[in-house]
């Protein structure tokens, strides 16, 4: 089973990686830029595995680049507050 198959597992995985990056001194801007790159890759290359990922993919597909950055930033905030450690 992949972490992409379950929304909570995906959030926990991202949260764990975010906290590791922060613990290693990665700046907030670098984290946000990386989140944008991951979001762009997933939207273009990975088929959504659940309803939440489908919503994110649909939003990403109609968003401008600025809006995509905002979506990525919101995902960082979401996993920062609700993701695993």
PDB file of N, CA and C in Angstrom:
ATOM      1  N   UNK A   1       0.844  -1.186   0.000  1.00  0.00           N
ATOM      2  CA  UNK A   1       0.000   0.000   0.000  1.00  0.00           C
ATOM      3  C   UNK A   1       0.888   1.247   0.000  1.00  0.00           C
ATOM      4  N   UNK A   2       0.585   2.157  -0.869  1.00  0.00           N
ATOM      5  CA  UNK A   2       1.326   3.405  -0.997  1.00  0.00           C
ATOM      6  C   UNK A   2       0.748   4.467  -0.072  1.00  0.00           C
ATOM      7  N   UNK A   3       1.596   5.408   0.345  1.00  0.00           N
ATOM      8  CA  UNK A   3       1.095   6.518   1.163  1.00  0.00           C
ATOM      9  C   UNK A   3       0.089   7.355   0.383  1.00  0.00           C
ATOM     10  N   UNK A   4       0.089   7.242  -0.929  1.00  0.00           N
ATOM     11  CA  UNK A   4      -0.859   8.000  -1.747  1.00  0.00           C
ATOM     12  C   UNK A   4      -2.257   7.395  -1.737  1.00  0.00           C
ATOM     13  N   UNK A   5      -2.400   6.164  -1.248  1.00  0.00           N
ATOM     14  CA  UNK A   5      -3.693   5.491  -1.265  1.00  0.00           C
ATOM     15  C   UNK A   5      -4.652   6.000  -0.199  1.00  0.00           C
ATOM     16  N   UNK A   6      -4.129   6.592   0.853  1.00  0.00           N
ATOM     17  CA  UNK A   6      -4.955   7.025   1.971  1.00  0.00           C
ATOM     18  C   UNK A   6      -4.597   8.463   2.322  1.00  0.00           C
ATOM     19  N   UNK A   7      -5.597   9.321   2.402  1.00  0.00           N
ATOM     20  CA  UNK A   7      -5.369  10.754   2.630  1.00  0.00           C
ATOM     21  C   UNK A   7      -4.642  11.006   3.946  1.00  0.00           C
ATOM     22  N   UNK A   8      -5.065  10.349   5.025  1.00  0.00           N
ATOM     23  CA  UNK A   8      -4.432  10.571   6.325  1.00  0.00           C
ATOM     24  C   UNK A   8      -2.979  10.098   6.302  1.00  0.00           C
ATOM     25  N   UNK A   9      -2.727   8.953   5.665  1.00  0.00           N
ATOM     26  CA  UNK A   9      -1.346   8.472   5.548  1.00  0.00           C
ATOM     27  C   UNK A   9      -0.494   9.459   4.761  1.00  0.00           C
ATOM     28  N   UNK A  10      -1.055  10.025   3.701  1.00  0.00           N
ATOM     29  CA  UNK A  10      -0.337  10.997   2.870  1.00  0.00           C
ATOM     30  C   UNK A  10      -0.012  12.247   3.683  1.00  0.00           C
ATOM     31  N   UNK A  11      -0.986  12.750   4.447  1.00  0.00           N
ATOM     32  CA  UNK A  11      -0.732  13.927   5.281  1.00  0.00           C
ATOM     33  C   UNK A  11       0.327  13.624   6.334  1.00  0.00           C
ATOM     34  N   UNK A  12       0.252  12.460   6.950  1.00  0.00           N
ATOM     35  CA  UNK A  12       1.251  12.096   7.959  1.00  0.00           C
ATOM     36  C   UNK A  12       2.639  11.988   7.340  1.00  0.00           C
ATOM     37  N   UNK A  13       2.726  11.387   6.170  1.00  0.00           N
ATOM     38  CA  UNK A  13       4.005  11.267   5.466  1.00  0.00           C
ATOM     39  C   UNK A  13       4.583  12.643   5.168  1.00  0.00           C
ATOM     40  N   UNK A  14       3.752  13.531   4.608  1.00  0.00           N
ATOM     41  CA  UNK A  14       4.218  14.887   4.295  1.00  0.00           C
ATOM     42  C   UNK A  14       4.607  15.643   5.557  1.00  0.00           C
ATOM     43  N   UNK A  15       3.810  15.486   6.608  1.00  0.00           N
ATOM     44  CA  UNK A  15       4.121  16.161   7.863  1.00  0.00           C
ATOM     45  C   UNK A  15       5.448  15.718   8.438  1.00  0.00           C
ATOM     46  N   UNK A  16       5.704  14.423   8.392  1.00  0.00           N
ATOM     47  CA  UNK A  16       6.974  13.888   8.884  1.00  0.00           C
ATOM     48  C   UNK A  16       8.137  14.468   8.088  1.00  0.00           C
ATOM     49  N   UNK A  17       8.007  14.482   6.762  1.00  0.00           N
ATOM     50  CA  UNK A  17       9.079  15.026   5.909  1.00  0.00           C
ATOM     51  C   UNK A  17       9.254  16.521   6.136  1.00  0.00           C
ATOM     52  N   UNK A  18       8.162  17.239   6.337  1.00  0.00           N
ATOM     53  CA  UNK A  18       8.242  18.678   6.609  1.00  0.00           C
ATOM     54  C   UNK A  18       8.994  18.935   7.902  1.00  0.00           C
ATOM     55  N   UNK A  19       8.652  18.206   8.946  1.00  0.00           N
ATOM     56  CA  UNK A  19       9.321  18.408  10.235  1.00  0.00           C
ATOM     57  C   UNK A  19      10.800  18.034  10.158  1.00  0.00           C
ATOM     58  N   UNK A  20      11.127  17.008   9.382  1.00  0.00           N
ATOM     59  CA  UNK A  20      12.536  16.647   9.191  1.00  0.00           C
ATOM     60  C   UNK A  20      13.283  17.778   8.484  1.00  0.00           C
ATOM     61  N   UNK A  21      12.665  18.346   7.473  1.00  0.00           N
ATOM     62  CA  UNK A  21      13.298  19.452   6.744  1.00  0.00           C
ATOM     63  C   UNK A  21      13.517  20.646   7.667  1.00  0.00           C
ATOM     64  N   UNK A  22      12.502  20.973   8.466  1.00  0.00           N
ATOM     65  CA  UNK A  22      12.623  22.097   9.405  1.00  0.00           C
ATOM     66  C   UNK A  22      13.707  21.823  10.442  1.00  0.00           C
ATOM     67  N   UNK A  23      13.741  20.597  10.955  1.00  0.00           N
ATOM     68  CA  UNK A  23      14.746  20.232  11.952  1.00  0.00           C
ATOM     69  C   UNK A  23      16.163  20.321  11.387  1.00  0.00           C
ATOM     70  N   UNK A  24      16.289  20.167  10.078  1.00  0.00           N
ATOM     71  CA  UNK A  24      17.594  20.247   9.417  1.00  0.00           C
ATOM     72  C   UNK A  24      17.899  21.646   8.893  1.00  0.00           C
ATOM     73  N   UNK A  25      17.066  22.624   9.280  1.00  0.00           N
ATOM     74  CA  UNK A  25      17.356  24.017   8.961  1.00  0.00           C
ATOM     75  C   UNK A  25      16.861  24.520   7.622  1.00  0.00           C
ATOM     76  N   UNK A  26      16.001  23.769   6.949  1.00  0.00           N
ATOM     77  CA  UNK A  26      15.483  24.222   5.663  1.00  0.00           C
ATOM     78  C   UNK A  26      14.540  25.399   5.896  1.00  0.00           C
ATOM     79  N   UNK A  27      14.706  26.460   5.130  1.00  0.00           N
ATOM     80  CA  UNK A  27      13.878  27.655   5.304  1.00  0.00           C
ATOM     81  C   UNK A  27      12.450  27.415   4.831  1.00  0.00           C
ATOM     82  N   UNK A  28      11.545  28.239   5.344  1.00  0.00           N
ATOM     83  CA  UNK A  28      10.133  28.156   4.975  1.00  0.00           C
ATOM     84  C   UNK A  28       9.967  28.354   3.463  1.00  0.00           C
ATOM     85  N   UNK A  29      10.723  29.275   2.881  1.00  0.00           N
ATOM     86  CA  UNK A  29      10.623  29.549   1.443  1.00  0.00           C
ATOM     87  C   UNK A  29      11.056  28.337   0.622  1.00  0.00           C
ATOM     88  N   UNK A  30      12.121  27.680   1.036  1.00  0.00           N
ATOM     89  CA  UNK A  30      12.594  26.488   0.324  1.00  0.00           C
ATOM     90  C   UNK A  30      11.556  25.376   0.428  1.00  0.00           C
ATOM     91  N   UNK A  31      10.976  25.201   1.605  1.00  0.00           N
ATOM     92  CA  UNK A  31       9.931  24.189   1.796  1.00  0.00           C
ATOM     93  C   UNK A  31       8.747  24.484   0.884  1.00  0.00           C
ATOM     94  N   UNK A  32       8.312  25.738   0.834  1.00  0.00           N
ATOM     95  CA  UNK A  32       7.174  26.098  -0.014  1.00  0.00           C
ATOM     96  C   UNK A  32       7.479  25.889  -1.492  1.00  0.00           C
ATOM     97  N   UNK A  33       8.687  26.229  -1.919  1.00  0.00           N
ATOM     98  CA  UNK A  33       9.060  26.010  -3.319  1.00  0.00           C
ATOM     99  C   UNK A  33       9.091  24.523  -3.649  1.00  0.00           C
ATOM    100  N   UNK A  34       9.603  23.723  -2.725  1.00  0.00           N
ATOM    101  CA  UNK A  34       9.632  22.288  -2.935  1.00  0.00           C
ATOM    102  C   UNK A  34       8.207  21.722  -2.982  1.00  0.00           C
ATOM    103  N   UNK A  35       7.327  22.222  -2.119  1.00  0.00           N
ATOM    104  CA  UNK A  35       5.933  21.777  -2.112  1.00  0.00           C
ATOM    105  C   UNK A  35       5.271  22.079  -3.453  1.00  0.00           C
ATOM    106  N   UNK A  36       5.573  23.223  -4.025  1.00  0.00           N
ATOM    107  CA  UNK A  36       5.038  23.570  -5.343  1.00  0.00           C
ATOM    108  C   UNK A  36       5.540  22.583  -6.393  1.00  0.00           C
ATOM    109  N   UNK A  37       6.833  22.279  -6.372  1.00  0.00           N
ATOM    110  CA  UNK A  37       7.398  21.341  -7.344  1.00  0.00           C
ATOM    111  C   UNK A  37       6.784  19.958  -7.208  1.00  0.00           C
ATOM    112  N   UNK A  38       6.592  19.503  -5.977  1.00  0.00           N
ATOM    113  CA  UNK A  38       5.967  18.195  -5.744  1.00  0.00           C
ATOM    114  C   UNK A  38       4.521  18.218  -6.241  1.00  0.00           C
ATOM    115  N   UNK A  39       3.794  19.268  -5.915  1.00  0.00           N
ATOM    116  CA  UNK A  39       2.409  19.389  -6.363  1.00  0.00           C
ATOM    117  C   UNK A  39       2.297  19.382  -7.872  1.00  0.00           C
ATOM    118  N   UNK A  40       3.192  20.086  -8.540  1.00  0.00           N
ATOM    119  CA  UNK A  40       3.184  20.137  -9.995  1.00  0.00           C
ATOM    120  C   UNK A  40       3.477  18.761 -10.580  1.00  0.00           C
ATOM    121  N   UNK A  41       4.464  18.075 -10.027  1.00  0.00           N
ATOM    122  CA  UNK A  41       4.798  16.721 -10.488  1.00  0.00           C
ATOM    123  C   UNK A  41       3.610  15.782 -10.298  1.00  0.00           C
ATOM    124  N   UNK A  42       3.024  15.788  -9.103  1.00  0.00           N
ATOM    125  CA  UNK A  42       1.895  14.891  -8.831  1.00  0.00           C
ATOM    126  C   UNK A  42       0.723  15.172  -9.766  1.00  0.00           C
ATOM    127  N   UNK A  43       0.431  16.449  -9.990  1.00  0.00           N
ATOM    128  CA  UNK A  43      -0.685  16.805 -10.860  1.00  0.00           C
ATOM    129  C   UNK A  43      -0.473  16.330 -12.290  1.00  0.00           C
ATOM    130  N   UNK A  44       0.766  16.331 -12.729  1.00  0.00           N
ATOM    131  CA  UNK A  44       1.064  15.956 -14.115  1.00  0.00           C
ATOM    132  C   UNK A  44       1.352  14.472 -14.307  1.00  0.00           C
ATOM    133  N   UNK A  45       1.849  13.803 -13.266  1.00  0.00           N
ATOM    134  CA  UNK A  45       2.372  12.453 -13.457  1.00  0.00           C
ATOM    135  C   UNK A  45       1.668  11.345 -12.668  1.00  0.00           C
ATOM    136  N   UNK A  46       0.891  11.690 -11.651  1.00  0.00           N
ATOM    137  CA  UNK A  46       0.340  10.670 -10.761  1.00  0.00           C
ATOM    138  C   UNK A  46      -1.183  10.760 -10.748  1.00  0.00           C
ATOM    139  N   UNK A  47      -1.823   9.632 -10.987  1.00  0.00           N
ATOM    140  CA  UNK A  47      -3.280   9.568 -10.943  1.00  0.00           C
ATOM    141  C   UNK A  47      -3.749   9.644  -9.491  1.00  0.00           C
ATOM    142  N   UNK A  48      -4.698  10.548  -9.172  1.00  0.00           N
ATOM    143  CA  UNK A  48      -5.200  10.650  -7.805  1.00  0.00           C
ATOM    144  C   UNK A  48      -5.753   9.306  -7.321  1.00  0.00           C
ATOM    145  N   UNK A  49      -5.477   8.983  -6.057  1.00  0.00           N
ATOM    146  CA  UNK A  49      -5.871   7.695  -5.494  1.00  0.00           C
ATOM    147  C   UNK A  49      -7.097   7.789  -4.590  1.00  0.00           C
ATOM    148  N   UNK A  50      -7.506   8.998  -4.246  1.00  0.00           N
ATOM    149  CA  UNK A  50      -8.677   9.153  -3.388  1.00  0.00           C
ATOM    150  C   UNK A  50      -9.362  10.480  -3.726  1.00  0.00           C
ATOM    151  N   UNK A  51     -10.518  10.709  -3.113  1.00  0.00           N
ATOM    152  CA  UNK A  51     -11.312  11.901  -3.427  1.00  0.00           C
ATOM    153  C   UNK A  51     -10.583  13.200  -3.131  1.00  0.00           C
ATOM    154  N   UNK A  52      -9.847  13.242  -2.027  1.00  0.00           N
ATOM    155  CA  UNK A  52      -9.142  14.465  -1.656  1.00  0.00           C
ATOM    156  C   UNK A  52      -8.065  14.799  -2.686  1.00  0.00           C
ATOM    157  N   UNK A  53      -7.336  13.781  -3.122  1.00  0.00           N
ATOM    158  CA  UNK A  53      -6.311  14.017  -4.143  1.00  0.00           C
ATOM    159  C   UNK A  53      -6.943  14.439  -5.460  1.00  0.00           C
ATOM    160  N   UNK A  54      -8.117  13.903  -5.779  1.00  0.00           N
ATOM    161  CA  UNK A  54      -8.820  14.300  -7.005  1.00  0.00           C
ATOM    162  C   UNK A  54      -9.198  15.781  -6.935  1.00  0.00           C
ATOM    163  N   UNK A  55      -9.696  16.235  -5.803  1.00  0.00           N
ATOM    164  CA  UNK A  55     -10.054  17.650  -5.640  1.00  0.00           C
ATOM    165  C   UNK A  55      -8.815  18.522  -5.827  1.00  0.00           C
ATOM    166  N   UNK A  56      -7.708  18.140  -5.173  1.00  0.00           N
ATOM    167  CA  UNK A  56      -6.475  18.918  -5.319  1.00  0.00           C
ATOM    168  C   UNK A  56      -6.008  18.948  -6.772  1.00  0.00           C
ATOM    169  N   UNK A  57      -6.068  17.802  -7.451  1.00  0.00           N
ATOM    170  CA  UNK A  57      -5.644  17.744  -8.853  1.00  0.00           C
ATOM    171  C   UNK A  57      -6.540  18.623  -9.725  1.00  0.00           C
ATOM    172  N   UNK A  58      -7.848  18.586  -9.472  1.00  0.00           N
ATOM    173  CA  UNK A  58      -8.765  19.422 -10.251  1.00  0.00           C
ATOM    174  C   UNK A  58      -8.515  20.908 -10.005  1.00  0.00           C
ATOM    175  N   UNK A  59      -8.308  21.278  -8.747  1.00  0.00           N
ATOM    176  CA  UNK A  59      -8.005  22.682  -8.434  1.00  0.00           C
ATOM    177  C   UNK A  59      -6.701  23.116  -9.091  1.00  0.00           C
ATOM    178  N   UNK A  60      -5.680  22.254  -8.991  1.00  0.00           N
ATOM    179  CA  UNK A  60      -4.365  22.564  -9.562  1.00  0.00           C
ATOM    180  C   UNK A  60      -4.482  22.799 -11.070  1.00  0.00           C
ATOM    181  N   UNK A  61      -5.323  21.992 -11.724  1.00  0.00           N
ATOM    182  CA  UNK A  61      -5.427  22.055 -13.197  1.00  0.00           C
ATOM    183  C   UNK A  61      -6.040  23.360 -13.690  1.00  0.00           C
ATOM    184  N   UNK A  62      -6.831  24.020 -12.868  1.00  0.00           N
ATOM    185  CA  UNK A  62      -7.460  25.274 -13.303  1.00  0.00           C
ATOM    186  C   UNK A  62      -6.801  26.506 -12.691  1.00  0.00           C
ATOM    187  N   UNK A  63      -5.846  26.300 -11.807  1.00  0.00           N
ATOM    188  CA  UNK A  63      -5.206  27.410 -11.098  1.00  0.00           C
ATOM    189  C   UNK A  63      -4.085  28.037 -11.935  1.00  0.00           C
ATOM    190  N   UNK A  64      -3.896  29.327 -11.730  1.00  0.00           N
ATOM    191  CA  UNK A  64      -2.728  29.998 -12.298  1.00  0.00           C
ATOM    192  C   UNK A  64      -1.499  29.546 -11.502  1.00  0.00           C
ATOM    193  N   UNK A  65      -0.310  29.889 -11.975  1.00  0.00           N
ATOM    194  CA  UNK A  65       0.894  29.512 -11.243  1.00  0.00           C
ATOM    195  C   UNK A  65       0.891  30.126  -9.837  1.00  0.00           C
ATOM    196  N   UNK A  66       0.445  31.353  -9.720  1.00  0.00           N
ATOM    197  CA  UNK A  66       0.368  31.999  -8.407  1.00  0.00           C
ATOM    198  C   UNK A  66      -0.591  31.243  -7.489  1.00  0.00           C
ATOM    199  N   UNK A  67      -1.730  30.841  -8.037  1.00  0.00           N
ATOM    200  CA  UNK A  67      -2.699  30.085  -7.247  1.00  0.00           C
ATOM    201  C   UNK A  67      -2.152  28.700  -6.880  1.00  0.00           C
ATOM    202  N   UNK A  68      -1.386  28.095  -7.782  1.00  0.00           N
ATOM    203  CA  UNK A  68      -0.764  26.803  -7.479  1.00  0.00           C
ATOM    204  C   UNK A  68       0.213  26.939  -6.322  1.00  0.00           C
ATOM    205  N   UNK A  69       0.964  28.021  -6.304  1.00  0.00           N
ATOM    206  CA  UNK A  69       1.856  28.277  -5.162  1.00  0.00           C
ATOM    207  C   UNK A  69       1.042  28.416  -3.873  1.00  0.00           C
ATOM    208  N   UNK A  70      -0.114  29.077  -3.966  1.00  0.00           N
ATOM    209  CA  UNK A  70      -0.971  29.227  -2.783  1.00  0.00           C
ATOM    210  C   UNK A  70      -1.490  27.865  -2.315  1.00  0.00           C
ATOM    211  N   UNK A  71      -1.874  26.998  -3.246  1.00  0.00           N
ATOM    212  CA  UNK A  71      -2.323  25.650  -2.886  1.00  0.00           C
ATOM    213  C   UNK A  71      -1.193  24.902  -2.197  1.00  0.00           C
ATOM    214  N   UNK A  72       0.004  24.978  -2.755  1.00  0.00           N
ATOM    215  CA  UNK A  72       1.160  24.300  -2.155  1.00  0.00           C
ATOM    216  C   UNK A  72       1.428  24.841  -0.753  1.00  0.00           C
ATOM    217  N   UNK A  73       1.352  26.161  -0.590  1.00  0.00           N
ATOM    218  CA  UNK A  73       1.567  26.766   0.727  1.00  0.00           C
ATOM    219  C   UNK A  73       0.511  26.299   1.732  1.00  0.00           C
ATOM    220  N   UNK A  74      -0.732  26.166   1.282  1.00  0.00           N
ATOM    221  CA  UNK A  74      -1.791  25.694   2.173  1.00  0.00           C
ATOM    222  C   UNK A  74      -1.573  24.234   2.565  1.00  0.00           C
ATOM    223  N   UNK A  75      -1.068  23.426   1.642  1.00  0.00           N
ATOM    224  CA  UNK A  75      -0.758  22.029   1.978  1.00  0.00           C
ATOM    225  C   UNK A  75       0.349  21.972   3.026  1.00  0.00           C
ATOM    226  N   UNK A  76       1.345  22.841   2.900  1.00  0.00           N
ATOM    227  CA  UNK A  76       2.416  22.896   3.905  1.00  0.00           C
ATOM    228  C   UNK A  76       1.813  23.239   5.266  1.00  0.00           C
ATOM    229  N   UNK A  77       0.942  24.249   5.302  1.00  0.00           N
ATOM    230  CA  UNK A  77       0.302  24.623   6.563  1.00  0.00           C
ATOM    231  C   UNK A  77      -0.539  23.482   7.124  1.00  0.00           C
ATOM    232  N   UNK A  78      -1.260  22.797   6.253  1.00  0.00           N
ATOM    233  CA  UNK A  78      -2.119  21.696   6.683  1.00  0.00           C
ATOM    234  C   UNK A  78      -1.299  20.601   7.348  1.00  0.00           C
ATOM    235  N   UNK A  79      -0.220  20.180   6.699  1.00  0.00           N
ATOM    236  CA  UNK A  79       0.556  19.072   7.275  1.00  0.00           C
ATOM    237  C   UNK A  79       1.413  19.552   8.449  1.00  0.00           C
ATOM    238  N   UNK A  80       1.751  20.830   8.447  1.00  0.00           N
ATOM    239  CA  UNK A  80       2.512  21.370   9.580  1.00  0.00           C
ATOM    240  C   UNK A  80       1.661  21.297  10.849  1.00  0.00           C
ATOM    241  N   UNK A  81       0.373  21.543  10.691  1.00  0.00           N
ATOM    242  CA  UNK A  81      -0.540  21.553  11.834  1.00  0.00           C
ATOM    243  C   UNK A  81      -1.150  20.196  12.125  1.00  0.00           C
ATOM    244  N   UNK A  82      -1.300  19.356  11.094  1.00  0.00           N
ATOM    245  CA  UNK A  82      -2.040  18.101  11.263  1.00  0.00           C
ATOM    246  C   UNK A  82      -1.258  16.861  10.863  1.00  0.00           C
ATOM    247  N   UNK A  83      -0.055  17.034  10.331  1.00  0.00           N
ATOM    248  CA  UNK A  83       0.696  15.885   9.855  1.00  0.00           C
ATOM    249  C   UNK A  83       1.507  15.232  10.958  1.00  0.00           C
ATOM    250  N   UNK A  84       2.093  14.090  10.623  1.00  0.00           N
ATOM    251  CA  UNK A  84       2.860  13.318  11.605  1.00  0.00           C
ATOM    252  C   UNK A  84       4.179  13.970  11.987  1.00  0.00           C
ATOM    253  N   UNK A  85       4.772  13.491  13.018  1.00  0.00           N
ATOM    254  CA  UNK A  85       6.079  13.974  13.512  1.00  0.00           C
ATOM    255  C   UNK A  85       6.995  12.814  13.648  1.00  0.00           C
TER     256      UNK A  85
END
